[in-house]
Amino acid sequence: GAITTKDDVIISKADHNVSYENGRRTCLIKIDLNGCGSPPYEPGDHVRVFPRNIMSKGTLQNFLDHLKGDLFVDDQIYASFADDKTAMSTLNVHAPLLVTVLDTLVCLEELFIERAAVFNTISMEACQDLSFLAQEEHERKALMEFGWNEEKYDKAKIECGMKWIQIFDLFPSLSKMVSLEFLLCNMKSNHARSYSVSSCKAFVGSELHLIVGRFLYSQGDKIDVGVCSNYLTSSNQGMI
């Protein structure tokens, strides 16, 4: 369904270091179910929401410009996996993003806005592999340390986030060294979150209401927001 209304119930800052955009926010989200047949539900039922990454096409194109090859937001890709010895259950664990695009034609905008967890942290295993791609010695050494030393890795996450979307800002020598295939095999995929229904169909008809609080968590002195709760509380009318 489509979001018809979003009403702020609570807006506040967690502390003086938190911006208005990233502060605590609780919203009443009203969703029109006419487009999906207005299915029955009761208060307390759960609805699954797949988040979208809040990122402009310009930001995404800048990210794509740093990958190997000439990639554009509107490009479409087709992915296949030729290793018959690797079970699908293994791929689901180690390459969940790849699994979502196998044997399908997908637009890069859809891939990175809807499917790829670009705001997740780069894993220790990926740091090890990235160390072999870095062209600067100090970046290569840092990535290798993050890949093998959990204490230094955790410290780096606190100090700079270590998110995939930041990779070329944090390690500039990786520009044009990282392939789309590498990201498909190492990034996680956005997964559905469940939210409790707060409305009664007898009173709201074809609508479904959710009360959603933006999730905040700290990384040292920094405050981050939950991907799905931030998507819903930042949503506009008409967004799905």
Protein backbone atom coordinates (compact mmCIF):
# COMPACT_ATOMS: atom_id res chain seq x y z
CA GLY A 1 0.00 0.00 0.00
CA ALA A 2 0.91 3.68 -0.19
CA ILE A 3 1.52 5.99 2.74
CA THR A 4 -1.32 8.52 2.89
CA THR A 5 -0.37 10.41 6.05
CA LYS A 6 2.56 10.67 8.44
CA ASP A 7 1.90 12.56 11.68
CA ASP A 8 4.65 13.35 14.17
CA VAL A 9 3.64 12.22 17.63
CA ILE A 10 6.96 12.97 19.36
CA ILE A 11 10.00 14.85 18.08
CA SER A 12 12.91 15.41 20.43
CA LYS A 13 16.69 15.34 20.57
CA ALA A 14 18.42 12.56 22.48
CA ASP A 15 21.15 15.02 23.51
CA HIS A 16 22.91 18.17 22.33
CA ASN A 17 25.06 16.18 19.87
CA VAL A 18 22.08 14.92 17.87
CA SER A 19 20.75 16.89 14.91
CA TYR A 20 17.06 17.54 14.38
CA GLU A 21 17.05 15.13 11.42
CA ASN A 22 18.57 12.31 13.49
CA GLY A 23 16.81 13.01 16.78
CA ARG A 24 14.21 10.82 18.45
CA ARG A 25 10.97 10.83 16.46
CA THR A 26 7.77 8.84 16.88
CA CYS A 27 5.23 8.93 14.06
CA LEU A 28 1.76 7.69 13.24
CA ILE A 29 2.05 6.15 9.76
CA LYS A 30 -1.21 5.68 7.81
CA ILE A 31 -1.06 3.25 4.88
CA ASP A 32 -3.74 2.89 2.20
CA LEU A 33 -4.41 -0.80 1.49
CA ASN A 34 -6.77 -0.33 -1.47
CA GLY A 35 -3.96 -1.06 -3.90
CA CYS A 36 -3.42 -4.54 -2.43
CA GLY A 37 -7.02 -5.64 -1.96
CA SER A 38 -7.56 -4.23 1.55
CA PRO A 39 -6.71 -7.50 3.37
CA PRO A 40 -8.23 -8.18 6.81
CA TYR A 41 -6.21 -7.56 9.96
CA GLU A 42 -6.59 -7.01 13.69
CA PRO A 43 -4.76 -4.75 16.15
CA GLY A 44 -1.52 -6.46 17.19
CA ASP A 45 -1.01 -8.21 13.87
CA HIS A 46 2.38 -7.62 12.29
CA VAL A 47 3.25 -6.07 8.95
CA ARG A 48 6.61 -6.65 7.29
CA VAL A 49 8.36 -3.57 5.93
CA PHE A 50 11.33 -3.63 3.56
CA PRO A 51 13.33 -0.40 4.09
CA ARG A 52 14.75 1.79 1.34
CA ASN A 53 18.11 3.50 1.72
CA ILE A 54 17.58 7.25 1.98
CA MET A 55 20.09 8.38 -0.64
CA SER A 56 19.83 10.70 -3.64
CA LYS A 57 20.54 9.52 -7.19
CA GLY A 58 23.48 11.93 -7.23
CA THR A 59 25.02 10.34 -4.14
CA LEU A 60 24.50 6.89 -5.62
CA GLN A 61 26.05 7.90 -8.95
CA ASN A 62 29.08 9.31 -7.12
CA PHE A 63 29.46 5.93 -5.38
CA LEU A 64 29.14 4.07 -8.69
CA ASP A 65 31.76 6.34 -10.29
CA HIS A 66 34.34 4.84 -7.91
CA LEU A 67 33.62 1.24 -8.88
CA LYS A 68 35.44 -0.61 -11.65
CA GLY A 69 34.06 0.06 -15.10
CA ASP A 70 31.60 2.73 -16.22
CA LEU A 71 28.41 2.21 -14.25
CA PHE A 72 25.34 4.41 -14.21
CA VAL A 73 22.29 4.57 -11.97
CA ASP A 74 19.93 3.46 -14.73
CA ASP A 75 22.08 0.53 -15.88
CA GLN A 76 20.63 -2.96 -15.56
CA ILE A 77 22.62 -6.03 -14.57
CA TYR A 78 22.07 -9.76 -14.76
CA ALA A 79 23.83 -11.94 -12.19
CA SER A 80 24.48 -15.66 -12.32
CA PHE A 81 26.53 -18.04 -10.17
CA ALA A 82 28.39 -20.84 -11.95
CA ASP A 83 29.82 -22.74 -8.95
CA ASP A 84 27.68 -25.87 -8.69
CA LYS A 85 29.59 -27.02 -5.61
CA THR A 86 28.30 -24.15 -3.44
CA ALA A 87 24.89 -24.82 -1.92
CA MET A 88 22.24 -22.10 -2.00
CA SER A 89 22.03 -22.30 1.80
CA THR A 90 25.72 -21.33 1.96
CA LEU A 91 25.17 -18.41 -0.41
CA ASN A 92 22.25 -17.21 1.71
CA VAL A 93 24.61 -16.90 4.67
CA HIS A 94 27.76 -15.58 3.01
CA ALA A 95 26.40 -13.62 0.03
CA PRO A 96 22.76 -12.71 0.77
CA LEU A 97 22.79 -9.69 -1.56
CA LEU A 98 23.95 -11.84 -4.48
CA VAL A 99 21.10 -14.27 -3.84
CA THR A 100 18.51 -11.47 -4.22
CA VAL A 101 19.65 -10.74 -7.79
CA LEU A 102 20.55 -14.21 -9.08
CA ASP A 103 19.10 -14.97 -12.51
CA THR A 104 17.16 -11.69 -12.63
CA LEU A 105 17.54 -8.40 -14.46
CA VAL A 106 17.83 -5.58 -11.93
CA CYS A 107 18.46 -1.84 -12.21
CA LEU A 108 21.43 -0.50 -10.23
CA GLU A 109 19.21 2.15 -8.65
CA GLU A 110 16.89 -0.55 -7.33
CA LEU A 111 19.86 -2.65 -6.21
CA PHE A 112 21.48 0.06 -4.11
CA ILE A 113 18.37 1.92 -2.94
CA GLU A 114 16.16 -1.03 -2.09
CA ARG A 115 18.26 -4.18 -1.74
CA ALA A 116 21.86 -3.49 -0.69
CA ALA A 117 22.59 -2.65 2.94
CA VAL A 118 24.91 0.23 2.00
CA PHE A 119 24.71 1.75 5.49
CA ASN A 120 25.89 -1.46 7.15
CA THR A 121 29.46 -1.69 8.40
CA ILE A 122 32.11 -3.34 6.26
CA SER A 123 32.80 -6.78 7.76
CA MET A 124 36.18 -7.89 9.04
CA GLU A 125 36.34 -10.50 6.29
CA ALA A 126 35.69 -7.86 3.62
CA CYS A 127 38.44 -5.69 5.15
CA GLN A 128 40.89 -8.54 4.62
CA ASP A 129 39.93 -8.85 0.96
CA LEU A 130 39.92 -5.08 0.43
CA SER A 131 43.46 -4.85 1.80
CA PHE A 132 44.70 -6.64 -1.32
CA LEU A 133 42.98 -4.05 -3.53
CA ALA A 134 44.19 -0.90 -1.78
CA GLN A 135 46.87 0.97 -3.71
CA GLU A 136 48.31 2.95 -0.79
CA GLU A 137 50.48 1.13 1.74
CA HIS A 138 48.97 2.83 4.80
CA GLU A 139 45.43 1.96 3.66
CA ARG A 140 46.47 -1.60 2.90
CA LYS A 141 47.99 -1.93 6.36
CA ALA A 142 44.95 -0.39 8.08
CA LEU A 143 42.50 -2.67 6.28
CA MET A 144 44.59 -5.72 7.10
CA GLU A 145 44.63 -4.72 10.78
CA PHE A 146 40.85 -4.18 10.78
CA GLY A 147 40.45 -7.59 9.17
CA TRP A 148 42.45 -9.45 11.81
CA ASN A 149 42.32 -7.33 14.98
CA GLU A 150 38.80 -7.13 16.42
CA GLU A 151 39.77 -4.44 18.95
CA LYS A 152 41.10 -2.12 16.21
CA TYR A 153 38.12 -2.95 14.01
CA ASP A 154 35.64 -2.01 16.76
CA LYS A 155 37.56 1.21 17.40
CA ALA A 156 37.43 2.10 13.70
CA LYS A 157 33.66 1.55 13.66
CA ILE A 158 33.28 3.98 16.55
CA GLU A 159 35.62 6.60 15.12
CA CYS A 160 34.58 6.64 11.45
CA GLY A 161 31.58 4.34 11.00
CA MET A 162 33.23 1.96 8.49
CA LYS A 163 30.05 1.88 6.41
CA TRP A 164 30.03 0.66 2.82
CA ILE A 165 28.72 4.00 1.56
CA GLN A 166 31.84 5.65 3.06
CA ILE A 167 34.36 3.21 1.65
CA PHE A 168 35.91 5.50 -0.99
CA ASP A 169 36.06 8.45 1.40
CA LEU A 170 37.81 6.36 4.04
CA PHE A 171 40.12 4.54 1.61
CA PRO A 172 40.55 6.69 -1.54
CA SER A 173 43.05 4.32 -3.14
CA LEU A 174 40.26 1.74 -3.51
CA SER A 175 38.66 3.95 -6.17
CA LYS A 176 38.32 2.01 -9.45
CA MET A 177 39.71 -1.11 -7.74
CA VAL A 178 36.46 -2.51 -6.32
CA SER A 179 34.12 -4.32 -8.69
CA LEU A 180 30.36 -4.62 -8.57
CA GLU A 181 30.86 -8.38 -8.27
CA PHE A 182 32.89 -7.82 -5.10
CA LEU A 183 30.05 -5.81 -3.55
CA LEU A 184 27.45 -8.42 -4.50
CA CYS A 185 29.50 -11.10 -2.75
CA ASN A 186 30.37 -9.08 0.36
CA MET A 187 27.52 -6.66 1.11
CA LYS A 188 24.53 -7.72 3.16
CA SER A 189 20.99 -7.20 1.90
CA ASN A 190 18.29 -5.09 3.50
CA HIS A 191 15.87 -7.40 5.29
CA ALA A 192 12.27 -6.99 6.33
CA ARG A 193 11.37 -5.62 9.76
CA SER A 194 8.11 -6.43 11.53
CA TYR A 195 5.90 -3.72 13.05
CA SER A 196 2.77 -4.18 15.13
CA VAL A 197 -0.48 -2.85 13.68
CA SER A 198 -1.96 -0.18 15.95
CA SER A 199 -5.32 0.37 14.19
CA CYS A 200 -8.65 -1.45 14.11
CA LYS A 201 -9.95 -2.07 10.59
CA ALA A 202 -13.55 -1.55 11.72
CA PHE A 203 -12.74 2.10 12.51
CA VAL A 204 -10.21 3.03 9.78
CA GLY A 205 -11.60 1.07 6.81
CA SER A 206 -9.00 0.44 4.10
CA GLU A 207 -6.16 2.02 6.07
CA LEU A 208 -3.55 0.39 8.28
CA HIS A 209 -1.86 2.39 11.03
CA LEU A 210 1.59 1.93 12.56
CA ILE A 211 3.19 3.78 15.47
CA VAL A 212 6.91 3.85 14.68
CA GLY A 213 9.70 5.25 16.83
CA ARG A 214 13.00 6.05 15.13
CA PHE A 215 15.63 3.74 16.58
CA LEU A 216 18.79 5.47 17.81
CA TYR A 217 22.05 3.78 18.75
CA SER A 218 25.43 5.11 19.68
CA GLN A 219 28.84 4.44 18.12
CA GLY A 220 31.17 6.15 20.56
CA ASP A 221 30.33 9.87 20.39
CA LYS A 222 28.21 9.42 17.27
CA ILE A 223 24.51 8.69 17.07
CA ASP A 224 23.21 6.52 14.23
CA VAL A 225 19.64 5.76 13.25
CA GLY A 226 17.94 2.49 12.39
CA VAL A 227 17.58 1.99 8.64
CA CYS A 228 13.92 0.93 8.55
CA SER A 229 12.56 3.12 11.36
CA ASN A 230 14.36 6.12 9.85
CA TYR A 231 12.89 5.28 6.43
CA LEU A 232 9.34 5.20 7.83
CA THR A 233 9.62 8.28 10.05
CA SER A 234 11.23 10.24 7.21
CA SER A 235 8.73 9.06 4.62
CA ASN A 236 6.53 11.26 2.49
CA GLN A 237 2.98 10.80 1.25
CA GLY A 238 2.83 8.28 -1.54
CA MET A 239 5.98 6.35 -0.59
CA ILE A 240 5.54 2.59 -0.45
